[in-house]
Amino acid sequence: MSKTSNGSAANGKARRLRSQKWFNDPDNPAMTALYLERYLNYGLTREELQSGKPIIGIAQTGNDLSPCNRHHLDLAKRVREGISAAGGLAMEFPV
């Protein structure tokens, strides 16, 4: 199946996101429950996780102990706001 430049299939159907399998997989309800329970602990809702919105990871090195990378915390916050404004769910992870 060929894809267009925006990631949708050439036949006009939207591509199923990997995160949809994590949070809404009727073939494996036990794993769906595991993923949902894990991320509900981070303040996300079931509706958000099962909405079909893309989950975008933000790799960042900022922390409170290293002044040279401290500005990355503010930058990651702005990136997170942009992802939310564009209709995605942002998740930060340290590198």
C-alpha atoms as a PDB file:
ATOM      1  CA  MET A   1       0.000   0.000   0.000  1.00  0.00           C
ATOM      2  CA  SER A   2       1.540   3.286  -1.015  1.00  0.00           C
ATOM      3  CA  LYS A   3       1.249   6.340   1.183  1.00  0.00           C
ATOM      4  CA  THR A   4       0.809   9.994   0.393  1.00  0.00           C
ATOM      5  CA  SER A   5       3.096  12.699   1.757  1.00  0.00           C
ATOM      6  CA  ASN A   6       0.796  13.304   4.751  1.00  0.00           C
ATOM      7  CA  GLY A   7       0.936   9.647   5.849  1.00  0.00           C
ATOM      8  CA  SER A   8      -2.534   8.625   4.695  1.00  0.00           C
ATOM      9  CA  ALA A   9      -2.964   5.645   2.422  1.00  0.00           C
ATOM     10  CA  ALA A  10      -3.126   6.310  -1.314  1.00  0.00           C
ATOM     11  CA  ASN A  11      -6.685   4.919  -1.393  1.00  0.00           C
ATOM     12  CA  GLY A  12      -7.882   7.853   0.743  1.00  0.00           C
ATOM     13  CA  LYS A  13      -8.274   5.964   4.022  1.00  0.00           C
ATOM     14  CA  ALA A  14      -6.465   7.272   7.072  1.00  0.00           C
ATOM     15  CA  ARG A  15      -3.594   5.170   8.321  1.00  0.00           C
ATOM     16  CA  ARG A  16      -4.202   3.448  11.692  1.00  0.00           C
ATOM     17  CA  LEU A  17      -1.833   4.873  14.279  1.00  0.00           C
ATOM     18  CA  ARG A  18       0.334   2.552  16.369  1.00  0.00           C
ATOM     19  CA  SER A  19      -1.093   4.117  19.541  1.00  0.00           C
ATOM     20  CA  GLN A  20      -4.603   3.036  18.537  1.00  0.00           C
ATOM     21  CA  LYS A  21      -3.443  -0.559  18.908  1.00  0.00           C
ATOM     22  CA  TRP A  22      -2.077   0.232  22.378  1.00  0.00           C
ATOM     23  CA  PHE A  23      -5.209   1.898  23.720  1.00  0.00           C
ATOM     24  CA  ASN A  24      -8.054   0.347  21.732  1.00  0.00           C
ATOM     25  CA  ASP A  25      -7.299  -3.214  20.599  1.00  0.00           C
ATOM     26  CA  PRO A  26     -10.397  -5.427  20.715  1.00  0.00           C
ATOM     27  CA  ASP A  27      -8.216  -8.430  19.803  1.00  0.00           C
ATOM     28  CA  ASN A  28      -6.183  -8.039  23.005  1.00  0.00           C
ATOM     29  CA  PRO A  29      -8.280  -6.422  25.761  1.00  0.00           C
ATOM     30  CA  ALA A  30      -5.791  -7.375  28.496  1.00  0.00           C
ATOM     31  CA  MET A  31      -2.988  -5.338  26.904  1.00  0.00           C
ATOM     32  CA  THR A  32      -5.385  -2.475  26.194  1.00  0.00           C
ATOM     33  CA  ALA A  33      -6.319  -2.423  29.891  1.00  0.00           C
ATOM     34  CA  LEU A  34      -2.643  -2.494  30.903  1.00  0.00           C
ATOM     35  CA  TYR A  35      -1.750   0.471  28.684  1.00  0.00           C
ATOM     36  CA  LEU A  36      -4.831   2.443  29.730  1.00  0.00           C
ATOM     37  CA  GLU A  37      -4.200   1.915  33.441  1.00  0.00           C
ATOM     38  CA  ARG A  38      -0.568   2.968  33.086  1.00  0.00           C
ATOM     39  CA  TYR A  39      -1.335   6.254  31.333  1.00  0.00           C
ATOM     40  CA  LEU A  40      -4.406   7.109  33.408  1.00  0.00           C
ATOM     41  CA  ASN A  41      -1.893   7.490  36.260  1.00  0.00           C
ATOM     42  CA  TYR A  42      -0.343  10.417  34.337  1.00  0.00           C
ATOM     43  CA  GLY A  43      -3.578  12.400  34.350  1.00  0.00           C
ATOM     44  CA  LEU A  44      -4.740  11.488  30.857  1.00  0.00           C
ATOM     45  CA  THR A  45      -8.321  10.353  30.364  1.00  0.00           C
ATOM     46  CA  ARG A  46      -9.575   7.202  28.668  1.00  0.00           C
ATOM     47  CA  GLU A  47     -11.291   9.422  26.096  1.00  0.00           C
ATOM     48  CA  GLU A  48      -8.018  11.179  25.240  1.00  0.00           C
ATOM     49  CA  LEU A  49      -6.126   7.916  24.897  1.00  0.00           C
ATOM     50  CA  GLN A  50      -8.805   6.268  22.762  1.00  0.00           C
ATOM     51  CA  SER A  51      -9.564   9.372  20.671  1.00  0.00           C
ATOM     52  CA  GLY A  52      -7.373   8.321  17.762  1.00  0.00           C
ATOM     53  CA  LYS A  53      -5.207  11.428  18.143  1.00  0.00           C
ATOM     54  CA  PRO A  54      -1.529  10.882  17.339  1.00  0.00           C
ATOM     55  CA  ILE A  55       0.759  10.564  20.341  1.00  0.00           C
ATOM     56  CA  ILE A  56       3.922  12.584  19.728  1.00  0.00           C
ATOM     57  CA  GLY A  57       7.048  11.964  21.789  1.00  0.00           C
ATOM     58  CA  ILE A  58       9.238  14.881  22.846  1.00  0.00           C
ATOM     59  CA  ALA A  59      12.808  13.840  23.615  1.00  0.00           C
ATOM     60  CA  GLN A  60      14.403  16.393  25.902  1.00  0.00           C
ATOM     61  CA  THR A  61      17.464  16.688  28.111  1.00  0.00           C
ATOM     62  CA  GLY A  62      16.278  19.477  30.388  1.00  0.00           C
ATOM     63  CA  ASN A  63      16.306  19.067  34.145  1.00  0.00           C
ATOM     64  CA  ASP A  64      16.529  21.205  37.252  1.00  0.00           C
ATOM     65  CA  LEU A  65      20.038  20.034  38.169  1.00  0.00           C
ATOM     66  CA  SER A  66      21.898  20.942  34.987  1.00  0.00           C
ATOM     67  CA  PRO A  67      21.807  24.688  34.292  1.00  0.00           C
ATOM     68  CA  CYS A  68      23.181  24.296  30.764  1.00  0.00           C
ATOM     69  CA  ASN A  69      20.093  22.309  29.700  1.00  0.00           C
ATOM     70  CA  ARG A  70      17.539  24.086  31.899  1.00  0.00           C
ATOM     71  CA  HIS A  71      16.118  26.045  28.957  1.00  0.00           C
ATOM     72  CA  HIS A  72      15.043  22.753  27.355  1.00  0.00           C
ATOM     73  CA  LEU A  73      12.250  22.506  29.939  1.00  0.00           C
ATOM     74  CA  ASP A  74      10.703  25.735  28.633  1.00  0.00           C
ATOM     75  CA  LEU A  75      11.267  24.710  25.024  1.00  0.00           C
ATOM     76  CA  ALA A  76       9.617  21.317  25.610  1.00  0.00           C
ATOM     77  CA  LYS A  77       6.636  23.091  27.186  1.00  0.00           C
ATOM     78  CA  ARG A  78       6.205  25.229  24.068  1.00  0.00           C
ATOM     79  CA  VAL A  79       6.522  22.174  21.818  1.00  0.00           C
ATOM     80  CA  ARG A  80       3.916  20.369  23.958  1.00  0.00           C
ATOM     81  CA  GLU A  81       1.518  23.328  23.561  1.00  0.00           C
ATOM     82  CA  GLY A  82       2.014  23.276  19.785  1.00  0.00           C
ATOM     83  CA  ILE A  83       1.307  19.553  19.586  1.00  0.00           C
ATOM     84  CA  SER A  84      -1.862  20.012  21.633  1.00  0.00           C
ATOM     85  CA  ALA A  85      -2.971  22.933  19.462  1.00  0.00           C
ATOM     86  CA  ALA A  86      -2.483  20.770  16.359  1.00  0.00           C
ATOM     87  CA  GLY A  87      -4.678  18.010  17.817  1.00  0.00           C
ATOM     88  CA  GLY A  88      -2.079  15.574  19.154  1.00  0.00           C
ATOM     89  CA  LEU A  89      -1.168  14.217  22.582  1.00  0.00           C
ATOM     90  CA  ALA A  90       2.349  15.105  23.725  1.00  0.00           C
ATOM     91  CA  MET A  91       4.512  12.825  25.881  1.00  0.00           C
ATOM     92  CA  GLU A  92       7.945  13.894  27.105  1.00  0.00           C
ATOM     93  CA  PHE A  93      10.744  11.457  27.742  1.00  0.00           C
ATOM     94  CA  PRO A  94      14.302  12.038  28.978  1.00  0.00           C
ATOM     95  CA  VAL A  95      17.389  11.338  26.908  1.00  0.00           C
END
